[in-house]
Amino acid sequence: MSASFFKDNPQFKEAKGAVEVISPDTLLVRLQPQSVEQEEDELMLSLFLDFLTKQALLNPDAELEAYTEAMAAVDEELMTGVELDS
């Protein structure tokens, strides 16, 4: 796809898809745009990471703590049995 296609159709930017050959001179292109929920999730993650970066830059003397395997194990244990709405 050319860049102009995505400029004219921004809803398909970063979309996944497939091309299927119908005949020697015909292609069928199927694009699956990102869902609104996925876009919202990505926006929230981006805002959160921006917040963390800003806090780290504003407080350079504050100690940052790496997220460890042990922390992940504790979090997994806390989440055991929790059902998330989808």
C-alpha atoms as a PDB file:
ATOM      1  CA  MET A   1       0.000   0.000   0.000  1.00  0.00           C
ATOM      2  CA  SER A   2       1.220   3.456  -0.772  1.00  0.00           C
ATOM      3  CA  ALA A   3       1.658   6.098   1.910  1.00  0.00           C
ATOM      4  CA  SER A   4      -1.087   8.186   0.289  1.00  0.00           C
ATOM      5  CA  PHE A   5      -3.615   5.400   0.952  1.00  0.00           C
ATOM      6  CA  PHE A   6      -2.934   5.580   4.684  1.00  0.00           C
ATOM      7  CA  LYS A   7      -2.924   9.387   4.589  1.00  0.00           C
ATOM      8  CA  ASP A   8      -6.382   9.320   2.966  1.00  0.00           C
ATOM      9  CA  ASN A   9      -7.586   6.496   5.252  1.00  0.00           C
ATOM     10  CA  PRO A  10      -6.013   7.002   8.697  1.00  0.00           C
ATOM     11  CA  GLN A  11      -8.339   4.415  10.251  1.00  0.00           C
ATOM     12  CA  PHE A  12      -6.220   1.742   8.567  1.00  0.00           C
ATOM     13  CA  LYS A  13      -2.880   2.999   9.889  1.00  0.00           C
ATOM     14  CA  GLU A  14      -1.086   0.101  11.604  1.00  0.00           C
ATOM     15  CA  ALA A  15      -3.966  -2.212  10.673  1.00  0.00           C
ATOM     16  CA  LYS A  16      -3.348  -5.885  10.154  1.00  0.00           C
ATOM     17  CA  GLY A  17      -4.617  -7.547   7.035  1.00  0.00           C
ATOM     18  CA  ALA A  18      -4.197 -10.017   4.243  1.00  0.00           C
ATOM     19  CA  VAL A  19      -4.012 -10.023   0.464  1.00  0.00           C
ATOM     20  CA  GLU A  20      -5.739 -12.809  -1.446  1.00  0.00           C
ATOM     21  CA  VAL A  21      -5.244 -13.464  -5.174  1.00  0.00           C
ATOM     22  CA  ILE A  22      -8.653 -13.885  -6.821  1.00  0.00           C
ATOM     23  CA  SER A  23      -7.445 -14.140 -10.421  1.00  0.00           C
ATOM     24  CA  PRO A  24      -4.266 -13.288 -12.347  1.00  0.00           C
ATOM     25  CA  ASP A  25      -5.201  -9.594 -12.427  1.00  0.00           C
ATOM     26  CA  THR A  26      -7.319  -9.233  -9.272  1.00  0.00           C
ATOM     27  CA  LEU A  27      -6.403  -8.994  -5.604  1.00  0.00           C
ATOM     28  CA  LEU A  28      -8.669  -8.847  -2.590  1.00  0.00           C
ATOM     29  CA  VAL A  29      -7.265  -6.769   0.264  1.00  0.00           C
ATOM     30  CA  ARG A  30      -8.731  -7.211   3.739  1.00  0.00           C
ATOM     31  CA  LEU A  31      -7.651  -4.786   6.419  1.00  0.00           C
ATOM     32  CA  GLN A  32      -8.558  -5.065  10.071  1.00  0.00           C
ATOM     33  CA  PRO A  33      -8.307  -1.686  11.784  1.00  0.00           C
ATOM     34  CA  GLN A  34      -7.381  -1.475  15.454  1.00  0.00           C
ATOM     35  CA  SER A  35     -10.340  -1.578  17.774  1.00  0.00           C
ATOM     36  CA  VAL A  36     -11.290   1.557  19.674  1.00  0.00           C
ATOM     37  CA  GLU A  37     -10.630  -0.334  22.918  1.00  0.00           C
ATOM     38  CA  GLN A  38      -7.099  -1.211  21.783  1.00  0.00           C
ATOM     39  CA  GLU A  39      -6.456   2.422  20.849  1.00  0.00           C
ATOM     40  CA  GLU A  40      -7.735   3.544  24.273  1.00  0.00           C
ATOM     41  CA  ASP A  41      -5.515   0.983  26.023  1.00  0.00           C
ATOM     42  CA  GLU A  42      -2.488   2.181  24.061  1.00  0.00           C
ATOM     43  CA  LEU A  43      -3.345   5.803  24.865  1.00  0.00           C
ATOM     44  CA  MET A  44      -3.644   5.049  28.592  1.00  0.00           C
ATOM     45  CA  LEU A  45      -0.316   3.184  28.587  1.00  0.00           C
ATOM     46  CA  SER A  46       1.341   6.041  26.716  1.00  0.00           C
ATOM     47  CA  LEU A  47      -0.035   8.613  29.174  1.00  0.00           C
ATOM     48  CA  PHE A  48       1.114   6.502  32.125  1.00  0.00           C
ATOM     49  CA  LEU A  49       4.621   6.116  30.712  1.00  0.00           C
ATOM     50  CA  ASP A  50       4.757   9.858  29.992  1.00  0.00           C
ATOM     51  CA  PHE A  51       3.774  10.513  33.618  1.00  0.00           C
ATOM     52  CA  LEU A  52       6.502   8.175  34.908  1.00  0.00           C
ATOM     53  CA  THR A  53       9.105   9.800  32.672  1.00  0.00           C
ATOM     54  CA  LYS A  54       8.086  13.280  33.813  1.00  0.00           C
ATOM     55  CA  GLN A  55       8.249  12.239  37.479  1.00  0.00           C
ATOM     56  CA  ALA A  56      11.689  10.683  36.996  1.00  0.00           C
ATOM     57  CA  LEU A  57      12.968  13.858  35.326  1.00  0.00           C
ATOM     58  CA  LEU A  58      11.448  16.155  37.967  1.00  0.00           C
ATOM     59  CA  ASN A  59      12.872  14.068  40.819  1.00  0.00           C
ATOM     60  CA  PRO A  60      16.299  12.861  39.667  1.00  0.00           C
ATOM     61  CA  ASP A  61      17.362  12.110  43.251  1.00  0.00           C
ATOM     62  CA  ALA A  62      14.440   9.761  43.860  1.00  0.00           C
ATOM     63  CA  GLU A  63      15.358   6.114  43.626  1.00  0.00           C
ATOM     64  CA  LEU A  64      13.652   4.088  40.940  1.00  0.00           C
ATOM     65  CA  GLU A  65      13.074   0.465  41.796  1.00  0.00           C
ATOM     66  CA  ALA A  66      13.267  -2.186  39.104  1.00  0.00           C
ATOM     67  CA  TYR A  67      10.266  -4.493  38.748  1.00  0.00           C
ATOM     68  CA  THR A  68      11.634  -7.928  39.629  1.00  0.00           C
ATOM     69  CA  GLU A  69      10.586 -11.520  39.034  1.00  0.00           C
ATOM     70  CA  ALA A  70       9.765 -11.765  42.752  1.00  0.00           C
ATOM     71  CA  MET A  71       7.430  -8.762  42.484  1.00  0.00           C
ATOM     72  CA  ALA A  72       5.778 -10.319  39.443  1.00  0.00           C
ATOM     73  CA  ALA A  73       5.256 -13.574  41.369  1.00  0.00           C
ATOM     74  CA  VAL A  74       3.572 -11.698  44.233  1.00  0.00           C
ATOM     75  CA  ASP A  75       1.346  -9.867  41.750  1.00  0.00           C
ATOM     76  CA  GLU A  76       0.432 -13.148  40.047  1.00  0.00           C
ATOM     77  CA  GLU A  77      -0.491 -14.651  43.418  1.00  0.00           C
ATOM     78  CA  LEU A  78      -2.690 -11.647  44.224  1.00  0.00           C
ATOM     79  CA  MET A  79      -4.457 -11.960  40.859  1.00  0.00           C
ATOM     80  CA  THR A  80      -5.106 -15.713  41.151  1.00  0.00           C
ATOM     81  CA  GLY A  81      -8.821 -16.354  40.825  1.00  0.00           C
ATOM     82  CA  VAL A  82      -9.642 -12.794  39.795  1.00  0.00           C
ATOM     83  CA  GLU A  83     -11.873 -12.659  36.727  1.00  0.00           C
ATOM     84  CA  LEU A  84     -11.566  -9.615  34.508  1.00  0.00           C
ATOM     85  CA  ASP A  85     -14.468  -8.202  32.533  1.00  0.00           C
ATOM     86  CA  SER A  86     -13.800  -8.165  28.832  1.00  0.00           C
END
